[in-house]
Amino acid sequence: QVQLVESGGGLVQPGGSLRLSCEASGNIHSGYIMGWYRQAPGKQREFVASITGDGVISSADYVRFTISRDNAKNTVYLQMNSLKPEDTAVYLCNAQYTFYSHWGQGTQVTVSS
């Protein structure tokens, strides 16, 4: 079993930055693809970014969002810059390995003036 705990969300003004963290525990290893998704009220969950254990990155926005991971700390980060009101959502951490998929509880990000 894998447990994921997100942190770092909050209220930020448009144009601001936030850094989210997701700490994994349990049966986690570098073979897991770690990712971030988000879900806004009334909308479907959408992909934000992912990173493999070897550091291969996929992202929905390579300019504003930067994903990274520290395998020694079992932690994945999401640096978000130039935030917009439409980025407001619950951001969820995901760990996927073969057919195993684990989710955290999420952290709220609100972008508002």
Protein backbone atom coordinates (compact mmCIF):
# COMPACT_ATOMS: atom_id res chain seq x y z
CA GLN A 1 0.00 0.00 0.00
CA VAL A 2 1.11 3.54 -0.75
CA GLN A 3 0.07 6.67 1.12
CA LEU A 4 0.34 10.13 -0.37
CA VAL A 5 0.12 13.38 1.56
CA GLU A 6 -0.02 16.69 -0.25
CA SER A 7 0.86 20.07 1.19
CA GLY A 8 1.61 23.61 0.08
CA GLY A 9 -1.75 24.76 -1.20
CA GLY A 10 -3.35 28.03 -0.24
CA LEU A 11 -4.62 31.37 -1.41
CA VAL A 12 -2.47 33.29 -3.85
CA GLN A 13 -3.01 36.37 -5.97
CA PRO A 14 -3.04 36.17 -9.76
CA GLY A 15 0.51 36.13 -11.04
CA GLY A 16 1.80 34.57 -7.84
CA SER A 17 3.55 31.28 -7.22
CA LEU A 18 3.06 28.21 -5.09
CA ARG A 19 5.07 25.07 -4.51
CA LEU A 20 3.16 21.92 -3.78
CA SER A 21 4.71 18.87 -2.16
CA CYS A 22 3.59 15.26 -2.07
CA GLU A 23 5.25 12.89 0.34
CA ALA A 24 4.84 9.21 -0.33
CA SER A 25 5.17 6.43 2.20
CA GLY A 26 4.62 2.72 2.30
CA ASN A 27 5.55 0.43 -0.56
CA ILE A 28 6.84 3.22 -2.80
CA HIS A 29 9.82 2.93 -5.12
CA SER A 30 11.38 4.74 -8.04
CA GLY A 31 9.43 2.63 -10.51
CA TYR A 32 6.32 4.63 -9.73
CA ILE A 33 5.33 7.43 -12.04
CA MET A 34 4.43 10.36 -9.80
CA GLY A 35 1.96 12.91 -11.03
CA TRP A 36 -0.24 15.85 -10.22
CA TYR A 37 -3.84 16.23 -11.28
CA ARG A 38 -6.39 18.86 -10.43
CA GLN A 39 -10.12 19.08 -10.12
CA ALA A 40 -12.15 22.25 -10.05
CA PRO A 41 -15.76 22.33 -8.83
CA GLY A 42 -18.10 20.96 -11.46
CA LYS A 43 -15.26 19.91 -13.74
CA GLN A 44 -13.54 16.66 -14.53
CA ARG A 45 -10.21 15.78 -13.05
CA GLU A 46 -7.42 16.85 -15.38
CA PHE A 47 -3.77 16.01 -15.78
CA VAL A 48 -1.21 18.61 -14.71
CA ALA A 49 2.20 16.95 -14.84
CA SER A 50 4.03 13.69 -14.20
CA ILE A 51 7.57 12.47 -13.73
CA THR A 52 9.13 9.03 -13.89
CA GLY A 53 11.79 7.74 -11.55
CA ASP A 54 14.35 8.50 -14.25
CA GLY A 55 13.17 12.09 -14.49
CA VAL A 56 11.16 11.95 -17.71
CA ILE A 57 8.55 14.69 -17.52
CA SER A 58 5.17 15.20 -19.08
CA SER A 59 3.27 18.42 -18.47
CA ALA A 60 0.13 20.21 -19.49
CA ASP A 61 1.99 23.53 -19.17
CA TYR A 62 5.77 23.38 -19.45
CA VAL A 63 6.08 27.14 -19.11
CA ARG A 64 4.28 27.73 -15.84
CA PHE A 65 4.39 24.35 -14.06
CA THR A 66 7.57 22.51 -13.11
CA ILE A 67 7.48 19.04 -11.61
CA SER A 68 10.40 17.46 -9.81
CA ARG A 69 11.01 14.56 -7.47
CA ASP A 70 13.44 13.54 -4.80
CA ASN A 71 13.57 9.75 -4.76
CA ALA A 72 15.60 9.72 -1.55
CA LYS A 73 12.81 11.62 0.22
CA ASN A 74 9.97 9.90 -1.68
CA THR A 75 8.64 13.37 -2.44
CA VAL A 76 7.40 15.00 -5.61
CA TYR A 77 7.05 18.74 -6.04
CA LEU A 78 5.03 21.00 -8.29
CA GLN A 79 6.28 24.54 -8.73
CA MET A 80 3.52 26.72 -10.14
CA ASN A 81 4.27 30.20 -11.42
CA SER A 82 2.21 32.95 -13.02
CA LEU A 83 -0.93 31.51 -11.49
CA LYS A 84 -4.30 32.41 -12.94
CA PRO A 85 -7.79 32.30 -11.42
CA GLU A 86 -8.57 29.35 -13.68
CA ASP A 87 -5.84 27.38 -11.90
CA THR A 88 -8.09 27.29 -8.84
CA ALA A 89 -8.73 23.65 -7.98
CA VAL A 90 -7.95 20.82 -5.62
CA TYR A 91 -4.56 19.47 -6.62
CA LEU A 92 -4.12 15.75 -6.15
CA CYS A 93 -0.99 13.67 -6.11
CA ASN A 94 -0.94 10.32 -7.91
CA ALA A 95 1.46 7.40 -7.84
CA GLN A 96 1.13 4.84 -10.60
CA TYR A 97 3.00 1.57 -11.23
CA THR A 98 1.68 -0.98 -13.71
CA PHE A 99 -1.98 -1.36 -12.74
CA TYR A 100 -1.53 0.16 -9.27
CA SER A 101 -2.77 3.73 -8.88
CA HIS A 102 -2.82 5.63 -5.59
CA TRP A 103 -4.24 9.05 -4.79
CA GLY A 104 -3.73 11.57 -2.06
CA GLN A 105 -6.51 13.60 -0.46
CA GLY A 106 -5.56 16.76 -2.31
CA THR A 107 -4.60 20.30 -1.42
CA GLN A 108 -6.68 23.34 -2.29
CA VAL A 109 -5.19 26.04 -4.48
CA THR A 110 -7.16 29.24 -4.80
CA VAL A 111 -6.03 32.03 -7.09
CA SER A 112 -7.89 35.21 -6.37
CA SER A 113 -7.34 38.88 -5.71
